[in-house]
Amino acid sequence: MQVANTGDFLNKGVSLKGGLTVTFEKEIVVDEFKSHLNNNFPEADISVRVISKTGKQVGTIVEASDADPDNFVNTIVEYLSLEKGQYSVEVMGSSLGASFFKETFRALILAFLFMGVVVFLYFRIPVPSLAVILSAFSDIVVTLAIVNIIGIKLSTAGIAAFLMLIGYSVDTDILLSTRVLKRKEGAILDRVYNAMKTGLTMSITTLVAVTVALIFTQSDVLKQIMLILIIGLLVDLINTWIQNAGILRWYMERKYKNG
């Protein structure tokens, strides 16, 4: 649906798509300001974010793609009567943005591939290894789908969050697979429950830490990373303890039945 509607499989921010960012410290009425910009630049992709501290507006970040930089900046300056020194402008060329996206996406693919190789070398059993890889893949795809639905525009920091998510996902999957495959005592379901106690404690602890960081940080970059991690960790609970656990239980029971 995302590709059909937009032509791309994710919402790219300025750092990945190219464009300009204007930052200034002046209180504005966001809806009126954004409406003014949209009327003047109907073809542009414009985002307006307010920076707040203790409930007070302390600054504004305006991002725009597919707009003439000089004309766009002049429109903002004239509308808000800004003087030199009251605002800053950063311009990211479309080719440079595309290059950043290509490099970060390549890093994500390589990280996933190397993760799969390490998992397979450790377990040396096709089905459990593929279950771990499938769980990590499901985490990324479902998280990306949710990110698209809620309209987050991914920056290079967002791609970094997906890299971190691979690590978190594999961590719980390795824990589950090791407890079920390597340990011999107890029934299969008991091993799953034992791994779940430890795994859920790990995940909940991480969720609490990430949520606190999301609430108190003032950085948009950190907010995006933390939000993606929260979504990914919640998705991972389903993919690890339902999907992966179900595959492992089926595999072990089939193995004992045939053996």
C-alpha atoms as a PDB file:
ATOM      1  CA  MET A   1       0.000   0.000   0.000  1.00  0.00           C
ATOM      2  CA  GLN A   2       2.821   2.388   0.865  1.00  0.00           C
ATOM      3  CA  VAL A   3       4.561   1.766  -2.463  1.00  0.00           C
ATOM      4  CA  ALA A   4       1.287   2.014  -4.395  1.00  0.00           C
ATOM      5  CA  ASN A   5       0.346   5.337  -2.782  1.00  0.00           C
ATOM      6  CA  THR A   6       3.744   7.069  -2.593  1.00  0.00           C
ATOM      7  CA  GLY A   7       6.078   5.171  -4.933  1.00  0.00           C
ATOM      8  CA  ASP A   8       8.401   4.275  -2.038  1.00  0.00           C
ATOM      9  CA  PHE A   9       8.229   1.698   0.751  1.00  0.00           C
ATOM     10  CA  LEU A  10       8.902   4.215   3.548  1.00  0.00           C
ATOM     11  CA  ASN A  11       8.410   7.885   4.380  1.00  0.00           C
ATOM     12  CA  LYS A  12      11.802   9.523   3.904  1.00  0.00           C
ATOM     13  CA  GLY A  13      12.799  12.576   5.880  1.00  0.00           C
ATOM     14  CA  VAL A  14      15.036  15.359   4.585  1.00  0.00           C
ATOM     15  CA  SER A  15      18.255  13.543   5.569  1.00  0.00           C
ATOM     16  CA  LEU A  16      17.303  10.623   3.290  1.00  0.00           C
ATOM     17  CA  LYS A  17      15.302  12.401   0.582  1.00  0.00           C
ATOM     18  CA  GLY A  18      17.094  15.716   0.306  1.00  0.00           C
ATOM     19  CA  GLY A  19      15.702  19.189   0.940  1.00  0.00           C
ATOM     20  CA  LEU A  20      16.175  21.965   3.468  1.00  0.00           C
ATOM     21  CA  THR A  21      15.671  22.491   7.188  1.00  0.00           C
ATOM     22  CA  VAL A  22      14.908  25.905   8.693  1.00  0.00           C
ATOM     23  CA  THR A  23      15.155  26.338  12.465  1.00  0.00           C
ATOM     24  CA  PHE A  24      14.085  29.436  14.377  1.00  0.00           C
ATOM     25  CA  GLU A  25      13.129  30.517  17.897  1.00  0.00           C
ATOM     26  CA  LYS A  26       9.768  32.222  17.675  1.00  0.00           C
ATOM     27  CA  GLU A  27       6.300  31.278  18.852  1.00  0.00           C
ATOM     28  CA  ILE A  28       3.928  30.500  15.988  1.00  0.00           C
ATOM     29  CA  VAL A  29       0.426  29.194  15.365  1.00  0.00           C
ATOM     30  CA  VAL A  30       1.388  25.943  13.661  1.00  0.00           C
ATOM     31  CA  ASP A  31      -1.786  25.403  11.595  1.00  0.00           C
ATOM     32  CA  GLU A  32      -1.789  28.938  10.192  1.00  0.00           C
ATOM     33  CA  PHE A  33       1.933  28.860   9.484  1.00  0.00           C
ATOM     34  CA  LYS A  34       1.802  25.480   7.748  1.00  0.00           C
ATOM     35  CA  SER A  35      -1.265  26.521   5.750  1.00  0.00           C
ATOM     36  CA  HIS A  36       0.600  29.613   4.536  1.00  0.00           C
ATOM     37  CA  LEU A  37       3.560  27.506   3.396  1.00  0.00           C
ATOM     38  CA  ASN A  38       1.341  24.925   1.686  1.00  0.00           C
ATOM     39  CA  ASN A  39      -0.487  27.670  -0.214  1.00  0.00           C
ATOM     40  CA  ASN A  40       2.807  29.126  -1.457  1.00  0.00           C
ATOM     41  CA  PHE A  41       4.442  25.752  -2.199  1.00  0.00           C
ATOM     42  CA  PRO A  42       1.651  23.308  -3.122  1.00  0.00           C
ATOM     43  CA  GLU A  43       4.037  20.801  -4.722  1.00  0.00           C
ATOM     44  CA  ALA A  44       6.441  20.683  -1.762  1.00  0.00           C
ATOM     45  CA  ASP A  45       6.490  18.096   1.020  1.00  0.00           C
ATOM     46  CA  ILE A  46       6.492  20.296   4.147  1.00  0.00           C
ATOM     47  CA  SER A  47       6.795  19.304   7.798  1.00  0.00           C
ATOM     48  CA  VAL A  48       6.545  21.706  10.766  1.00  0.00           C
ATOM     49  CA  ARG A  49       7.632  20.552  14.232  1.00  0.00           C
ATOM     50  CA  VAL A  50       7.487  22.627  17.400  1.00  0.00           C
ATOM     51  CA  ILE A  51      10.172  22.235  20.062  1.00  0.00           C
ATOM     52  CA  SER A  52       8.678  22.535  23.552  1.00  0.00           C
ATOM     53  CA  LYS A  53      10.201  22.655  27.001  1.00  0.00           C
ATOM     54  CA  THR A  54       8.031  22.331  30.125  1.00  0.00           C
ATOM     55  CA  GLY A  55       5.007  23.010  27.934  1.00  0.00           C
ATOM     56  CA  LYS A  56       6.421  26.232  26.478  1.00  0.00           C
ATOM     57  CA  GLN A  57       7.225  26.664  22.785  1.00  0.00           C
ATOM     58  CA  VAL A  58      10.955  27.370  22.478  1.00  0.00           C
ATOM     59  CA  GLY A  59      11.580  26.791  18.786  1.00  0.00           C
ATOM     60  CA  THR A  60      10.346  25.463  15.470  1.00  0.00           C
ATOM     61  CA  ILE A  61      11.862  23.165  12.855  1.00  0.00           C
ATOM     62  CA  VAL A  62      10.545  23.373   9.288  1.00  0.00           C
ATOM     63  CA  GLU A  63      11.559  20.692   6.779  1.00  0.00           C
ATOM     64  CA  ALA A  64      10.743  20.856   3.081  1.00  0.00           C
ATOM     65  CA  SER A  65      11.499  18.764   0.015  1.00  0.00           C
ATOM     66  CA  ASP A  66      10.859  19.684  -3.626  1.00  0.00           C
ATOM     67  CA  ALA A  67      10.930  23.444  -2.912  1.00  0.00           C
ATOM     68  CA  ASP A  68      13.283  26.171  -4.112  1.00  0.00           C
ATOM     69  CA  PRO A  69      15.546  26.847  -1.068  1.00  0.00           C
ATOM     70  CA  ASP A  70      15.963  30.610  -1.506  1.00  0.00           C
ATOM     71  CA  ASN A  71      12.293  31.233  -2.213  1.00  0.00           C
ATOM     72  CA  PHE A  72      11.207  29.008   0.667  1.00  0.00           C
ATOM     73  CA  VAL A  73      13.501  30.684   3.213  1.00  0.00           C
ATOM     74  CA  ASN A  74      12.486  34.177   2.036  1.00  0.00           C
ATOM     75  CA  THR A  75       8.813  33.277   2.440  1.00  0.00           C
ATOM     76  CA  ILE A  76       9.378  32.188   6.045  1.00  0.00           C
ATOM     77  CA  VAL A  77      11.513  35.241   6.872  1.00  0.00           C
ATOM     78  CA  GLU A  78       8.945  37.659   5.441  1.00  0.00           C
ATOM     79  CA  TYR A  79       5.938  35.948   7.030  1.00  0.00           C
ATOM     80  CA  LEU A  80       7.489  35.862  10.518  1.00  0.00           C
ATOM     81  CA  SER A  81       9.532  39.093  10.176  1.00  0.00           C
ATOM     82  CA  LEU A  82      12.718  37.281  11.144  1.00  0.00           C
ATOM     83  CA  GLU A  83      16.045  39.060  11.227  1.00  0.00           C
ATOM     84  CA  LYS A  84      19.430  37.604  10.371  1.00  0.00           C
ATOM     85  CA  GLY A  85      20.702  35.547  13.275  1.00  0.00           C
ATOM     86  CA  GLN A  86      17.205  34.530  14.377  1.00  0.00           C
ATOM     87  CA  TYR A  87      17.121  31.495  12.113  1.00  0.00           C
ATOM     88  CA  SER A  88      19.420  28.862  10.617  1.00  0.00           C
ATOM     89  CA  VAL A  89      19.198  26.982   7.324  1.00  0.00           C
ATOM     90  CA  GLU A  90      20.565  23.561   6.376  1.00  0.00           C
ATOM     91  CA  VAL A  91      20.329  22.305   2.795  1.00  0.00           C
ATOM     92  CA  MET A  92      20.684  18.641   1.836  1.00  0.00           C
ATOM     93  CA  GLY A  93      21.025  17.894  -1.891  1.00  0.00           C
ATOM     94  CA  SER A  94      18.787  15.171  -3.300  1.00  0.00           C
ATOM     95  CA  SER A  95      21.769  13.178  -4.597  1.00  0.00           C
ATOM     96  CA  LEU A  96      23.461  13.339  -1.201  1.00  0.00           C
ATOM     97  CA  GLY A  97      20.245  12.310   0.529  1.00  0.00           C
ATOM     98  CA  ALA A  98      19.875   9.382  -1.875  1.00  0.00           C
ATOM     99  CA  SER A  99      23.487   8.408  -1.181  1.00  0.00           C
ATOM    100  CA  PHE A 100      22.883   8.432   2.584  1.00  0.00           C
ATOM    101  CA  PHE A 101      19.795   6.266   2.136  1.00  0.00           C
ATOM    102  CA  LYS A 102      21.637   3.784  -0.071  1.00  0.00           C
ATOM    103  CA  GLU A 103      24.521   3.456   2.396  1.00  0.00           C
ATOM    104  CA  THR A 104      22.341   3.101   5.503  1.00  0.00           C
ATOM    105  CA  PHE A 105      20.002   0.641   3.775  1.00  0.00           C
ATOM    106  CA  ARG A 106      23.014  -1.392   2.657  1.00  0.00           C
ATOM    107  CA  ALA A 107      24.281  -1.439   6.254  1.00  0.00           C
ATOM    108  CA  LEU A 108      20.874  -2.727   7.396  1.00  0.00           C
ATOM    109  CA  ILE A 109      20.869  -5.541   4.808  1.00  0.00           C
ATOM    110  CA  LEU A 110      24.468  -6.558   5.621  1.00  0.00           C
ATOM    111  CA  ALA A 111      23.744  -6.573   9.356  1.00  0.00           C
ATOM    112  CA  PHE A 112      20.743  -8.828   8.764  1.00  0.00           C
ATOM    113  CA  LEU A 113      22.719 -11.212   6.529  1.00  0.00           C
ATOM    114  CA  PHE A 114      25.648 -11.509   8.938  1.00  0.00           C
ATOM    115  CA  MET A 115      23.210 -12.064  11.797  1.00  0.00           C
ATOM    116  CA  GLY A 116      21.690 -14.954   9.840  1.00  0.00           C
ATOM    117  CA  VAL A 117      25.124 -16.497   9.205  1.00  0.00           C
ATOM    118  CA  VAL A 118      26.095 -16.302  12.899  1.00  0.00           C
ATOM    119  CA  VAL A 119      22.781 -17.841  14.004  1.00  0.00           C
ATOM    120  CA  PHE A 120      23.128 -20.710  11.524  1.00  0.00           C
ATOM    121  CA  LEU A 121      26.760 -21.382  12.522  1.00  0.00           C
ATOM    122  CA  TYR A 122      25.763 -21.471  16.204  1.00  0.00           C
ATOM    123  CA  PHE A 123      22.774 -23.825  15.987  1.00  0.00           C
ATOM    124  CA  ARG A 124      23.678 -25.721  12.786  1.00  0.00           C
ATOM    125  CA  ILE A 125      20.045 -26.834  12.515  1.00  0.00           C
ATOM    126  CA  PRO A 126      18.018 -25.362   9.627  1.00  0.00           C
ATOM    127  CA  VAL A 127      14.537 -25.014  11.181  1.00  0.00           C
ATOM    128  CA  PRO A 128      15.464 -23.248  14.485  1.00  0.00           C
ATOM    129  CA  SER A 129      17.976 -21.041  12.643  1.00  0.00           C
ATOM    130  CA  LEU A 130      15.387 -20.015  10.059  1.00  0.00           C
ATOM    131  CA  ALA A 131      12.878 -19.375  12.874  1.00  0.00           C
ATOM    132  CA  VAL A 132      15.268 -16.860  14.478  1.00  0.00           C
ATOM    133  CA  ILE A 133      15.905 -15.151  11.127  1.00  0.00           C
ATOM    134  CA  LEU A 134      12.155 -15.112  10.342  1.00  0.00           C
ATOM    135  CA  SER A 135      11.416 -13.509  13.718  1.00  0.00           C
ATOM    136  CA  ALA A 136      13.987 -10.743  13.140  1.00  0.00           C
ATOM    137  CA  PHE A 137      12.650 -10.184   9.606  1.00  0.00           C
ATOM    138  CA  SER A 138       9.064 -10.032  10.914  1.00  0.00           C
ATOM    139  CA  ASP A 139      10.107  -7.472  13.544  1.00  0.00           C
ATOM    140  CA  ILE A 140      11.571  -5.177  10.888  1.00  0.00           C
ATOM    141  CA  VAL A 141       8.691  -5.512   8.410  1.00  0.00           C
ATOM    142  CA  VAL A 142       5.870  -5.095  10.960  1.00  0.00           C
ATOM    143  CA  THR A 143       7.633  -2.182  12.680  1.00  0.00           C
ATOM    144  CA  LEU A 144       8.191  -0.490   9.312  1.00  0.00           C
ATOM    145  CA  ALA A 145       4.512  -0.985   8.442  1.00  0.00           C
ATOM    146  CA  ILE A 146       3.419   0.648  11.722  1.00  0.00           C
ATOM    147  CA  VAL A 147       5.902   3.500  11.204  1.00  0.00           C
ATOM    148  CA  ASN A 148       4.399   4.093   7.747  1.00  0.00           C
ATOM    149  CA  ILE A 149       0.826   3.978   9.080  1.00  0.00           C
ATOM    150  CA  ILE A 150       1.443   6.591  11.782  1.00  0.00           C
ATOM    151  CA  GLY A 151       3.303   8.793   9.298  1.00  0.00           C
ATOM    152  CA  ILE A 152       6.811   8.965  10.772  1.00  0.00           C
ATOM    153  CA  LYS A 153       9.335  10.400   8.301  1.00  0.00           C
ATOM    154  CA  LEU A 154      12.470   8.328   8.694  1.00  0.00           C
ATOM    155  CA  SER A 155      15.852   9.989   9.017  1.00  0.00           C
ATOM    156  CA  THR A 156      19.268   8.322   9.082  1.00  0.00           C
ATOM    157  CA  ALA A 157      18.732   7.996  12.844  1.00  0.00           C
ATOM    158  CA  GLY A 158      15.576   6.002  12.124  1.00  0.00           C
ATOM    159  CA  ILE A 159      17.547   3.517  10.045  1.00  0.00           C
ATOM    160  CA  ALA A 160      20.005   3.218  12.951  1.00  0.00           C
ATOM    161  CA  ALA A 161      17.048   2.336  15.196  1.00  0.00           C
ATOM    162  CA  PHE A 162      16.204  -0.561  12.873  1.00  0.00           C
ATOM    163  CA  LEU A 163      19.810  -1.765  13.174  1.00  0.00           C
ATOM    164  CA  MET A 164      19.438  -1.719  16.954  1.00  0.00           C
ATOM    165  CA  LEU A 165      16.143  -3.560  16.617  1.00  0.00           C
ATOM    166  CA  ILE A 166      17.869  -6.482  14.880  1.00  0.00           C
ATOM    167  CA  GLY A 167      20.111  -6.839  17.933  1.00  0.00           C
ATOM    168  CA  TYR A 168      17.217  -6.712  20.412  1.00  0.00           C
ATOM    169  CA  SER A 169      15.219  -9.217  18.367  1.00  0.00           C
ATOM    170  CA  VAL A 170      18.019 -11.755  18.011  1.00  0.00           C
ATOM    171  CA  ASP A 171      18.836 -11.436  21.715  1.00  0.00           C
ATOM    172  CA  THR A 172      15.472 -12.824  22.870  1.00  0.00           C
ATOM    173  CA  ASP A 173      15.282 -15.356  20.027  1.00  0.00           C
ATOM    174  CA  ILE A 174      18.720 -16.781  20.875  1.00  0.00           C
ATOM    175  CA  LEU A 175      17.694 -17.005  24.533  1.00  0.00           C
ATOM    176  CA  LEU A 176      14.547 -18.935  23.619  1.00  0.00           C
ATOM    177  CA  SER A 177      16.260 -21.237  21.108  1.00  0.00           C
ATOM    178  CA  THR A 178      19.173 -22.009  23.447  1.00  0.00           C
ATOM    179  CA  ARG A 179      16.876 -22.906  26.376  1.00  0.00           C
ATOM    180  CA  VAL A 180      14.676 -25.139  24.215  1.00  0.00           C
ATOM    181  CA  LEU A 181      17.367 -26.834  22.096  1.00  0.00           C
ATOM    182  CA  LYS A 182      20.390 -27.071  24.388  1.00  0.00           C
ATOM    183  CA  ARG A 183      18.770 -27.931  27.714  1.00  0.00           C
ATOM    184  CA  LYS A 184      17.542 -31.469  28.232  1.00  0.00           C
ATOM    185  CA  GLU A 185      15.746 -31.244  31.583  1.00  0.00           C
ATOM    186  CA  GLY A 186      12.018 -30.569  31.732  1.00  0.00           C
ATOM    187  CA  ALA A 187       9.281 -30.743  29.127  1.00  0.00           C
ATOM    188  CA  ILE A 188       9.496 -28.597  25.986  1.00  0.00           C
ATOM    189  CA  LEU A 189       6.726 -26.271  27.160  1.00  0.00           C
ATOM    190  CA  ASP A 190       8.436 -25.855  30.552  1.00  0.00           C
ATOM    191  CA  ARG A 191      11.643 -24.766  28.795  1.00  0.00           C
ATOM    192  CA  VAL A 192       9.678 -22.232  26.763  1.00  0.00           C
ATOM    193  CA  TYR A 193       8.049 -20.815  29.933  1.00  0.00           C
ATOM    194  CA  ASN A 194      11.438 -20.679  31.662  1.00  0.00           C
ATOM    195  CA  ALA A 195      12.936 -18.738  28.750  1.00  0.00           C
ATOM    196  CA  MET A 196       9.857 -16.482  28.631  1.00  0.00           C
ATOM    197  CA  LYS A 197      10.328 -15.369  32.256  1.00  0.00           C
ATOM    198  CA  THR A 198      13.879 -14.218  31.552  1.00  0.00           C
ATOM    199  CA  GLY A 199      13.064 -12.809  28.100  1.00  0.00           C
ATOM    200  CA  LEU A 200      10.039 -10.796  29.222  1.00  0.00           C
ATOM    201  CA  THR A 201      12.042  -9.359  32.119  1.00  0.00           C
ATOM    202  CA  MET A 202      14.716  -8.222  29.644  1.00  0.00           C
ATOM    203  CA  SER A 203      12.173  -6.736  27.239  1.00  0.00           C
ATOM    204  CA  ILE A 204      10.102  -4.957  29.902  1.00  0.00           C
ATOM    205  CA  THR A 205      13.240  -3.462  31.476  1.00  0.00           C
ATOM    206  CA  THR A 206      14.333  -2.155  28.076  1.00  0.00           C
ATOM    207  CA  LEU A 207      10.846  -0.822  27.318  1.00  0.00           C
ATOM    208  CA  VAL A 208      10.784   1.131  30.583  1.00  0.00           C
ATOM    209  CA  ALA A 209      14.215   2.660  29.911  1.00  0.00           C
ATOM    210  CA  VAL A 210      13.342   3.568  26.314  1.00  0.00           C
ATOM    211  CA  THR A 211       9.953   5.032  27.312  1.00  0.00           C
ATOM    212  CA  VAL A 212      11.581   7.247  29.959  1.00  0.00           C
ATOM    213  CA  ALA A 213      14.080   8.446  27.340  1.00  0.00           C
ATOM    214  CA  LEU A 214      11.240   9.182  24.880  1.00  0.00           C
ATOM    215  CA  ILE A 215       9.318  11.222  27.454  1.00  0.00           C
ATOM    216  CA  PHE A 216      12.196  13.348  28.722  1.00  0.00           C
ATOM    217  CA  THR A 217      14.429  13.874  25.695  1.00  0.00           C
ATOM    218  CA  GLN A 218      14.147  17.152  23.769  1.00  0.00           C
ATOM    219  CA  SER A 219      15.988  15.838  20.708  1.00  0.00           C
ATOM    220  CA  ASP A 220      13.856  14.884  17.681  1.00  0.00           C
ATOM    221  CA  VAL A 221      16.561  12.450  16.603  1.00  0.00           C
ATOM    222  CA  LEU A 222      16.449  10.592  19.926  1.00  0.00           C
ATOM    223  CA  LYS A 223      12.635  10.722  19.989  1.00  0.00           C
ATOM    224  CA  GLN A 224      12.484   8.965  16.617  1.00  0.00           C
ATOM    225  CA  ILE A 225      14.987   6.298  17.695  1.00  0.00           C
ATOM    226  CA  MET A 226      13.145   5.628  20.967  1.00  0.00           C
ATOM    227  CA  LEU A 227       9.703   5.527  19.330  1.00  0.00           C
ATOM    228  CA  ILE A 228      10.848   3.004  16.707  1.00  0.00           C
ATOM    229  CA  LEU A 229      12.476   0.877  19.417  1.00  0.00           C
ATOM    230  CA  ILE A 230       9.287   0.877  21.513  1.00  0.00           C
ATOM    231  CA  ILE A 231       7.215  -0.232  18.513  1.00  0.00           C
ATOM    232  CA  GLY A 232       9.812  -2.855  17.568  1.00  0.00           C
ATOM    233  CA  LEU A 233      10.108  -4.268  21.098  1.00  0.00           C
ATOM    234  CA  LEU A 234       6.331  -4.637  21.398  1.00  0.00           C
ATOM    235  CA  VAL A 235       6.199  -6.355  18.004  1.00  0.00           C
ATOM    236  CA  ASP A 236       9.094  -8.602  19.073  1.00  0.00           C
ATOM    237  CA  LEU A 237       7.080  -9.915  22.037  1.00  0.00           C
ATOM    238  CA  ILE A 238       4.582 -11.411  19.580  1.00  0.00           C
ATOM    239  CA  ASN A 239       7.137 -12.662  17.058  1.00  0.00           C
ATOM    240  CA  THR A 240       9.393 -14.271  19.668  1.00  0.00           C
ATOM    241  CA  TRP A 241       6.962 -15.755  22.196  1.00  0.00           C
ATOM    242  CA  ILE A 242       4.196 -16.759  19.787  1.00  0.00           C
ATOM    243  CA  GLN A 243       5.709 -17.184  16.320  1.00  0.00           C
ATOM    244  CA  ASN A 244       9.213 -18.441  17.173  1.00  0.00           C
ATOM    245  CA  ALA A 245       8.123 -20.376  20.268  1.00  0.00           C
ATOM    246  CA  GLY A 246       5.400 -22.078  18.232  1.00  0.00           C
ATOM    247  CA  ILE A 247       7.840 -23.112  15.488  1.00  0.00           C
ATOM    248  CA  LEU A 248      10.366 -24.447  18.039  1.00  0.00           C
ATOM    249  CA  ARG A 249       7.730 -26.412  19.928  1.00  0.00           C
ATOM    250  CA  TRP A 250       6.423 -27.940  16.696  1.00  0.00           C
ATOM    251  CA  TYR A 251       9.987 -28.823  15.624  1.00  0.00           C
ATOM    252  CA  MET A 252      10.985 -30.420  18.941  1.00  0.00           C
ATOM    253  CA  GLU A 253       7.760 -32.425  19.323  1.00  0.00           C
ATOM    254  CA  ARG A 254       8.074 -33.665  15.730  1.00  0.00           C
ATOM    255  CA  LYS A 255      11.731 -34.555  16.348  1.00  0.00           C
ATOM    256  CA  TYR A 256      10.932 -36.595  19.505  1.00  0.00           C
ATOM    257  CA  LYS A 257       8.000 -38.284  17.784  1.00  0.00           C
ATOM    258  CA  ASN A 258      10.152 -39.377  14.845  1.00  0.00           C
ATOM    259  CA  GLY A 259      13.210 -40.156  16.976  1.00  0.00           C
END
